Amino acid sequence: MFWSAALAADSTPRPTTLDDAQKSATNAAGWVEENWSTWLGIGLRIALILIIAFVLRSVVRRAITKLIERMNRTAQAVDGTALGGLLVNVERRRQRSAAIGSVLRSVASFLIMGTAGLMILSALEINLAPLLASAGVAGVAIGFGARNLVTDFLSGVFMILEDQYGVGDTIDAGVASGEVIEVGLRVTKLRGENGAIWYVRNGEVKRIGNLSQGWATAAVDVQLRAEEDLDQVRAVITQVGVDMAKEEPWNERLWEPIEVLGLDAVYLDSMVVRVSARTMPGKSLGVERELRWRIKKALDEAGIQLVGRPLDPELQTDAVDPSAGVAAPSALANPDSPQSAAVSPIAPDAGPAATPSATVPPPAPK
């Protein structure tokens, strides 16, 4: 009963005789025989695409890794030498090369495997136009939703590729400043002057001031009395620079002789002499402190006195007259004067006789 109902419900034509069954089997075998070569060709093509893609991906990634290792070995070879101390920071090179290698490997894998996937879909005779259109729309939607993340990533890639800064550099990123301790594709870590660690998103950095590239300038202002001999001051400061350039470690940190630029400002009772020196990057503050120390000692030995910083011209006011707060002389200041007696209060228990000065005089006789 059940099988009869199931056969009645099935509308698929079925062979009712042996000849019909044999004919159906022959047609299926013929169809398979006609299409097996096509299937085999498609399968071999897909297998070949996958093999080539994996081999190419492995070769490219290995080549990138070898290149990064060679860059690290080059940085380690010059570490400890004078050239390495001036031009190369091993940790900076290592992190920069690792970040670049990671980006290159990811891009290579994405391009190779993405191209292989499209070739496989094309081999299966699938229309790629709707798929690519849908992927483009989805990519735009995802990119719009994660635009901050994409901005941070792209900014980090260009910062690393352009070598704008690296580990060990002292930078001013606008939102924060300090020494770079880690460079990432999305976030840069800075160590501030007070020891705080700042996490700065690369997409938020609009400008970067690198204080550790090329060279730095140490500037010292020396304020002296206006009557000091300028020639003597120049000779003393120049000798300080010569002596300092001969001693360790200042002979390596000073890249040019210390120069007395001249008068930077002149006031009524003082003058400011500007002293400048070109130093190794990141060492200007130490050179300035040592230079101030030596100049102060040399000027004291030469009998040249320093003076304090002048007041800000915007904050200066006219001298106050000491007599401005003194009241003018008054007759009321003397208690024995008639004016004081006239304005003195009358005691409540005193009669008219007690205050003769306050009584009304009698009328004059006619």
Protein backbone atom coordinates (compact mmCIF):
# COMPACT_ATOMS: atom_id res chain seq x y z
CA MET A 1 0.00 0.00 0.00
CA PHE A 2 2.76 2.44 0.98
CA TRP A 3 4.95 1.65 -2.02
CA SER A 4 2.05 1.99 -4.39
CA ALA A 5 1.18 5.41 -3.01
CA ALA A 6 4.81 6.52 -3.26
CA LEU A 7 5.08 5.33 -6.87
CA ALA A 8 1.82 7.08 -7.71
CA ALA A 9 3.08 10.35 -6.23
CA ASP A 10 6.39 10.22 -8.12
CA SER A 11 5.87 11.89 -11.47
CA THR A 12 9.35 11.06 -12.83
CA PRO A 13 9.06 8.80 -15.85
CA ARG A 14 10.60 5.46 -15.14
CA PRO A 15 11.45 2.66 -17.49
CA THR A 16 8.72 0.15 -17.53
CA THR A 17 10.50 -2.49 -19.55
CA LEU A 18 13.99 -3.89 -19.79
CA ASP A 19 14.52 -2.23 -23.14
CA ASP A 20 13.71 1.17 -21.71
CA ALA A 21 16.12 0.65 -18.81
CA GLN A 22 18.87 -0.44 -21.16
CA LYS A 23 18.26 2.57 -23.37
CA SER A 24 18.47 4.95 -20.39
CA ALA A 25 21.73 3.38 -19.21
CA THR A 26 23.16 3.68 -22.69
CA ASN A 27 22.25 7.36 -22.89
CA ALA A 28 23.82 8.07 -19.49
CA ALA A 29 26.98 6.23 -20.43
CA GLY A 30 27.16 8.13 -23.69
CA TRP A 31 26.68 11.44 -21.89
CA VAL A 32 29.46 10.60 -19.42
CA GLU A 33 31.68 9.46 -22.27
CA GLU A 34 31.11 12.69 -24.11
CA ASN A 35 31.78 14.95 -21.10
CA TRP A 36 34.45 13.12 -19.10
CA SER A 37 37.23 14.72 -21.09
CA THR A 38 35.80 18.17 -20.30
CA TRP A 39 35.54 17.35 -16.62
CA LEU A 40 39.04 15.96 -16.58
CA GLY A 41 40.37 19.03 -18.30
CA ILE A 42 38.64 21.35 -15.83
CA GLY A 43 39.91 19.33 -12.86
CA LEU A 44 43.46 19.29 -14.18
CA ARG A 45 43.28 23.02 -14.84
CA ILE A 46 42.07 23.73 -11.29
CA ALA A 47 44.74 21.46 -9.82
CA LEU A 48 47.42 23.15 -11.92
CA ILE A 49 46.22 26.61 -10.86
CA LEU A 50 46.30 25.63 -7.19
CA ILE A 51 49.74 24.03 -7.45
CA ILE A 52 51.20 27.05 -9.23
CA ALA A 53 49.56 29.44 -6.75
CA PHE A 54 50.86 27.62 -3.66
CA VAL A 55 54.35 27.20 -5.12
CA LEU A 56 54.51 30.84 -6.19
CA ARG A 57 53.22 32.01 -2.82
CA SER A 58 55.80 29.94 -0.97
CA VAL A 59 58.63 31.16 -3.19
CA VAL A 60 57.64 34.82 -2.85
CA ARG A 61 57.21 34.64 0.92
CA ARG A 62 60.54 32.87 1.31
CA ALA A 63 62.25 35.46 -0.87
CA ILE A 64 60.78 38.28 1.23
CA THR A 65 61.90 36.54 4.44
CA LYS A 66 65.43 36.10 3.10
CA LEU A 67 65.54 39.77 2.12
CA ILE A 68 64.44 40.85 5.60
CA GLU A 69 67.02 38.59 7.26
CA ARG A 70 69.74 40.03 5.06
CA MET A 71 68.72 43.55 6.07
CA ASN A 72 68.90 42.56 9.74
CA ARG A 73 72.33 40.96 9.30
CA THR A 74 73.60 44.13 7.65
CA ALA A 75 72.33 46.22 10.57
CA GLN A 76 73.91 43.86 13.12
CA ALA A 77 77.24 43.90 11.27
CA VAL A 78 77.66 47.66 11.73
CA ASP A 79 76.32 47.66 15.28
CA GLY A 80 78.93 48.75 17.77
CA THR A 81 81.00 50.67 15.25
CA ALA A 82 81.16 54.44 14.89
CA LEU A 83 79.11 54.27 11.71
CA GLY A 84 76.54 52.08 13.38
CA GLY A 85 76.26 54.43 16.33
CA LEU A 86 75.66 57.43 14.11
CA LEU A 87 73.57 56.09 11.27
CA VAL A 88 72.00 52.77 12.21
CA ASN A 89 69.79 51.68 15.08
CA VAL A 90 69.54 47.89 15.13
CA GLU A 91 66.18 47.72 16.89
CA ARG A 92 64.77 50.38 14.61
CA ARG A 93 65.97 48.53 11.52
CA ARG A 94 64.70 45.22 12.86
CA GLN A 95 61.19 46.48 13.60
CA ARG A 96 61.00 48.43 10.36
CA SER A 97 62.15 45.45 8.30
CA ALA A 98 59.75 43.13 10.16
CA ALA A 99 56.83 45.45 9.53
CA ILE A 100 57.73 45.85 5.86
CA GLY A 101 58.14 42.09 5.50
CA SER A 102 54.76 41.43 7.08
CA VAL A 103 53.07 43.90 4.76
CA LEU A 104 54.81 42.50 1.67
CA ARG A 105 53.96 38.90 2.58
CA SER A 106 50.32 39.75 3.21
CA VAL A 107 50.02 41.68 -0.05
CA ALA A 108 51.74 38.91 -2.02
CA SER A 109 49.50 36.21 -0.53
CA PHE A 110 46.37 38.25 -1.18
CA LEU A 111 47.27 38.95 -4.80
CA ILE A 112 48.39 35.40 -5.63
CA MET A 113 45.54 33.54 -3.93
CA GLY A 114 42.95 36.05 -5.10
CA THR A 115 44.09 35.70 -8.69
CA ALA A 116 44.07 31.91 -8.36
CA GLY A 117 40.51 31.98 -7.00
CA LEU A 118 39.28 34.09 -9.91
CA MET A 119 41.00 31.77 -12.40
CA ILE A 120 39.32 28.75 -10.80
CA LEU A 121 35.89 30.37 -11.05
CA SER A 122 36.60 31.25 -14.66
CA ALA A 123 37.60 27.64 -15.36
CA LEU A 124 34.25 26.51 -13.94
CA GLU A 125 32.57 28.84 -16.43
CA ILE A 126 31.03 30.98 -13.69
CA ASN A 127 30.13 34.53 -14.66
CA LEU A 128 32.41 36.76 -12.60
CA ALA A 129 30.74 40.08 -13.39
CA PRO A 130 27.98 39.84 -10.73
CA LEU A 131 30.44 38.44 -8.24
CA LEU A 132 32.94 41.24 -8.77
CA ALA A 133 30.17 43.84 -8.59
CA SER A 134 28.90 42.39 -5.30
CA ALA A 135 32.43 42.23 -3.91
CA GLY A 136 32.98 45.86 -4.88
CA VAL A 137 29.84 47.00 -3.13
CA ALA A 138 30.66 44.94 -0.03
CA GLY A 139 34.20 46.31 -0.03
CA VAL A 140 32.93 49.88 -0.18
CA ALA A 141 30.50 49.25 2.68
CA ILE A 142 33.17 47.60 4.84
CA GLY A 143 35.69 50.30 4.03
CA PHE A 144 33.20 53.03 4.92
CA GLY A 145 32.39 51.37 8.23
CA ALA A 146 36.05 50.78 9.12
CA ARG A 147 37.45 53.93 7.55
CA ASN A 148 39.39 54.88 10.69
CA LEU A 149 41.06 51.47 10.80
CA VAL A 150 41.88 51.64 7.09
CA THR A 151 43.25 55.17 7.51
CA ASP A 152 45.47 54.08 10.42
CA PHE A 153 46.74 51.07 8.48
CA LEU A 154 47.53 52.98 5.29
CA SER A 155 49.20 55.81 7.24
CA GLY A 156 51.33 53.29 9.13
CA VAL A 157 52.38 51.58 5.89
CA PHE A 158 53.54 54.85 4.33
CA MET A 159 55.26 55.98 7.53
CA ILE A 160 57.28 52.77 7.60
CA LEU A 161 58.05 52.71 3.88
CA GLU A 162 59.15 56.36 3.90
CA ASP A 163 61.13 55.87 7.14
CA GLN A 164 59.66 58.98 8.71
CA TYR A 165 60.72 57.80 12.16
CA GLY A 166 61.83 54.63 13.92
CA VAL A 167 62.61 53.08 17.28
CA GLY A 168 64.86 55.34 19.32
CA ASP A 169 63.87 58.56 17.56
CA THR A 170 62.54 61.51 19.50
CA ILE A 171 59.55 62.92 17.65
CA ASP A 172 56.83 65.52 18.05
CA ALA A 173 53.63 64.04 16.62
CA GLY A 174 51.40 66.96 17.54
CA VAL A 175 49.08 64.96 19.80
CA ALA A 176 52.04 63.65 21.82
CA SER A 177 55.83 63.83 21.87
CA GLY A 178 58.56 61.57 23.18
CA GLU A 179 60.88 58.72 22.27
CA VAL A 180 59.57 56.06 19.89
CA ILE A 181 59.63 52.61 21.51
CA GLU A 182 57.53 50.69 18.97
CA VAL A 183 56.29 51.30 15.45
CA GLY A 184 53.22 49.39 14.26
CA LEU A 185 50.97 49.49 11.26
CA ARG A 186 48.10 50.93 13.28
CA VAL A 187 49.58 52.43 16.47
CA THR A 188 52.88 54.07 17.40
CA LYS A 189 54.07 53.89 21.02
CA LEU A 190 55.91 56.87 22.50
CA ARG A 191 57.68 57.26 25.84
CA GLY A 192 57.02 60.75 27.18
CA GLU A 193 59.37 62.89 29.23
CA ASN A 194 57.63 61.92 32.48
CA GLY A 195 57.76 58.21 31.62
CA ALA A 196 54.18 57.92 30.34
CA ILE A 197 53.59 55.68 27.31
CA TRP A 198 51.48 57.28 24.59
CA TYR A 199 49.59 55.17 22.07
CA VAL A 200 49.17 57.34 19.00
CA ARG A 201 47.01 56.15 16.10
CA ASN A 202 48.87 56.61 12.86
CA GLY A 203 45.80 58.07 11.16
CA GLU A 204 45.64 60.91 13.70
CA VAL A 205 49.17 62.12 13.03
CA LYS A 206 48.98 65.15 10.75
CA ARG A 207 52.59 66.29 11.16
CA ILE A 208 55.76 64.75 12.52
CA GLY A 209 58.82 66.56 13.80
CA ASN A 210 61.76 64.15 13.99
CA LEU A 211 64.41 65.45 16.37
CA SER A 212 66.80 62.53 15.80
CA GLN A 213 67.55 62.69 12.09
CA GLY A 214 70.48 64.50 10.50
CA TRP A 215 71.85 66.80 13.18
CA ALA A 216 70.67 68.94 16.10
CA THR A 217 71.50 72.43 17.34
CA ALA A 218 72.48 73.34 20.89
CA ALA A 219 71.78 77.01 21.64
CA VAL A 220 72.77 78.78 24.87
CA ASP A 221 71.96 82.39 25.80
CA VAL A 222 74.41 84.12 28.17
CA GLN A 223 73.09 87.30 29.81
CA LEU A 224 75.75 89.73 30.96
CA ARG A 225 76.02 93.26 32.28
CA ALA A 226 75.93 95.96 29.63
CA GLU A 227 79.35 97.32 30.61
CA GLU A 228 81.24 94.02 30.09
CA ASP A 229 83.98 93.81 27.45
CA LEU A 230 82.55 91.93 24.48
CA ASP A 231 85.95 90.92 23.11
CA GLN A 232 86.87 89.35 26.42
CA VAL A 233 83.52 87.56 26.60
CA ARG A 234 84.00 86.16 23.10
CA ALA A 235 87.53 84.98 23.91
CA VAL A 236 86.41 83.22 27.12
CA ILE A 237 83.48 81.44 25.49
CA THR A 238 85.55 80.42 22.46
CA GLN A 239 88.19 78.89 24.72
CA VAL A 240 85.44 76.98 26.56
CA GLY A 241 84.30 75.52 23.24
CA VAL A 242 87.84 74.52 22.26
CA ASP A 243 88.47 72.77 25.58
CA MET A 244 85.10 71.02 25.50
CA ALA A 245 85.65 69.68 21.97
CA LYS A 246 88.85 67.94 23.12
CA GLU A 247 87.26 65.92 25.94
CA GLU A 248 85.25 62.70 25.96
CA PRO A 249 82.41 62.21 25.15
CA TRP A 250 81.85 65.72 23.85
CA ASN A 251 84.32 65.32 21.01
CA GLU A 252 81.92 62.80 19.42
CA ARG A 253 78.73 64.68 20.21
CA LEU A 254 80.00 68.00 18.87
CA TRP A 255 80.00 67.87 15.08
CA GLU A 256 81.19 71.45 14.57
CA PRO A 257 83.16 73.94 16.69
CA ILE A 258 81.19 75.98 19.17
CA GLU A 259 80.41 79.39 17.67
CA VAL A 260 79.66 82.72 19.34
CA LEU A 261 76.97 84.17 17.10
CA GLY A 262 77.00 87.62 18.70
CA LEU A 263 74.53 89.78 20.58
CA ASP A 264 71.00 88.44 20.52
CA ALA A 265 69.46 91.25 22.60
CA VAL A 266 70.56 94.52 24.23
CA TYR A 267 68.84 96.13 27.24
CA LEU A 268 69.53 99.18 29.36
CA ASP A 269 71.46 97.28 32.01
CA SER A 270 72.20 93.92 30.32
CA MET A 271 72.92 92.15 27.04
CA VAL A 272 72.40 88.59 25.75
CA VAL A 273 75.12 86.70 23.88
CA ARG A 274 73.98 83.73 21.74
CA VAL A 275 76.22 80.63 21.59
CA SER A 276 75.45 77.79 19.14
CA ALA A 277 76.85 74.36 18.31
CA ARG A 278 75.86 71.60 15.89
CA THR A 279 75.58 68.26 17.69
CA MET A 280 74.73 64.64 17.19
CA PRO A 281 70.97 64.01 16.84
CA GLY A 282 69.25 63.66 20.18
CA LYS A 283 72.24 64.98 22.17
CA SER A 284 71.55 68.71 22.04
CA LEU A 285 70.07 68.96 25.55
CA GLY A 286 73.08 67.32 27.16
CA VAL A 287 75.46 69.56 25.23
CA GLU A 288 73.50 72.66 26.27
CA ARG A 289 73.64 71.72 29.96
CA GLU A 290 77.39 71.02 29.85
CA LEU A 291 78.04 74.19 27.88
CA ARG A 292 76.16 76.33 30.39
CA TRP A 293 78.11 74.72 33.23
CA ARG A 294 81.48 75.40 31.62
CA ILE A 295 80.62 78.93 30.51
CA LYS A 296 79.45 79.86 34.01
CA LYS A 297 82.67 78.60 35.58
CA ALA A 298 84.87 80.29 32.98
CA LEU A 299 83.08 83.64 33.34
CA ASP A 300 83.38 83.49 37.13
CA GLU A 301 87.12 82.86 36.85
CA ALA A 302 87.46 85.79 34.43
CA GLY A 303 85.54 88.13 36.75
CA ILE A 304 82.62 88.56 34.34
CA GLN A 305 79.28 88.69 36.11
CA LEU A 306 75.97 87.32 34.90
CA VAL A 307 72.68 89.12 35.48
CA GLY A 308 69.10 87.97 35.78
CA ARG A 309 66.62 87.70 32.99
CA PRO A 310 64.94 91.02 32.13
CA LEU A 311 61.23 91.43 32.64
CA ASP A 312 58.89 90.75 29.79
CA PRO A 313 58.30 94.11 28.04
CA GLU A 314 54.56 93.41 27.99
CA LEU A 315 54.59 92.93 31.75
CA GLN A 316 56.72 95.98 32.59
CA THR A 317 54.95 98.93 34.27
CA ASP A 318 56.06 102.46 35.18
CA ALA A 319 57.71 102.94 38.56
CA VAL A 320 55.29 103.86 41.28
CA ASP A 321 55.84 107.27 42.92
CA PRO A 322 56.51 106.62 46.64
CA SER A 323 54.78 109.88 47.56
CA ALA A 324 51.65 109.01 45.60
CA GLY A 325 50.10 107.30 48.62
CA VAL A 326 50.82 110.19 51.07
CA ALA A 327 47.87 112.49 51.77
CA ALA A 328 48.23 116.24 51.41
CA PRO A 329 48.72 118.31 54.63
CA SER A 330 45.46 119.28 56.31
CA ALA A 331 44.52 121.68 59.06
CA LEU A 332 42.45 118.94 60.63
CA ALA A 333 45.61 116.96 61.30
CA ASN A 334 46.40 119.31 64.23
CA PRO A 335 43.98 118.64 67.13
CA ASP A 336 44.63 122.12 68.61
CA SER A 337 43.58 124.00 65.50
CA PRO A 338 40.25 125.92 65.43
CA GLN A 339 39.07 123.73 62.55
CA SER A 340 39.54 120.55 64.61
CA ALA A 341 37.75 122.14 67.58
CA ALA A 342 34.85 123.19 65.36
CA VAL A 343 34.25 119.70 64.01
CA SER A 344 34.87 117.83 67.25
CA PRO A 345 31.74 116.07 68.62
CA ILE A 346 29.91 117.55 71.68
CA ALA A 347 29.85 115.36 74.76
CA PRO A 348 26.28 114.35 75.75
CA ASP A 349 26.68 115.38 79.50
CA ALA A 350 28.34 118.68 78.82
CA GLY A 351 26.42 121.94 79.09
CA PRO A 352 26.80 125.09 77.14
CA ALA A 353 29.49 126.28 79.53
CA ALA A 354 31.57 123.22 78.86
CA THR A 355 31.85 124.10 75.21
CA PRO A 356 32.46 127.80 74.95
CA SER A 357 33.71 127.39 71.46
CA ALA A 358 30.33 126.00 70.40
CA THR A 359 28.12 128.71 72.11
CA VAL A 360 26.50 131.44 70.06
CA PRO A 361 28.09 134.83 70.78
CA PRO A 362 25.77 137.63 72.10
CA PRO A 363 24.61 140.16 69.57
CA ALA A 364 26.65 143.27 69.25
CA PRO A 365 25.22 146.44 70.87
CA LYS A 366 23.65 148.90 68.56
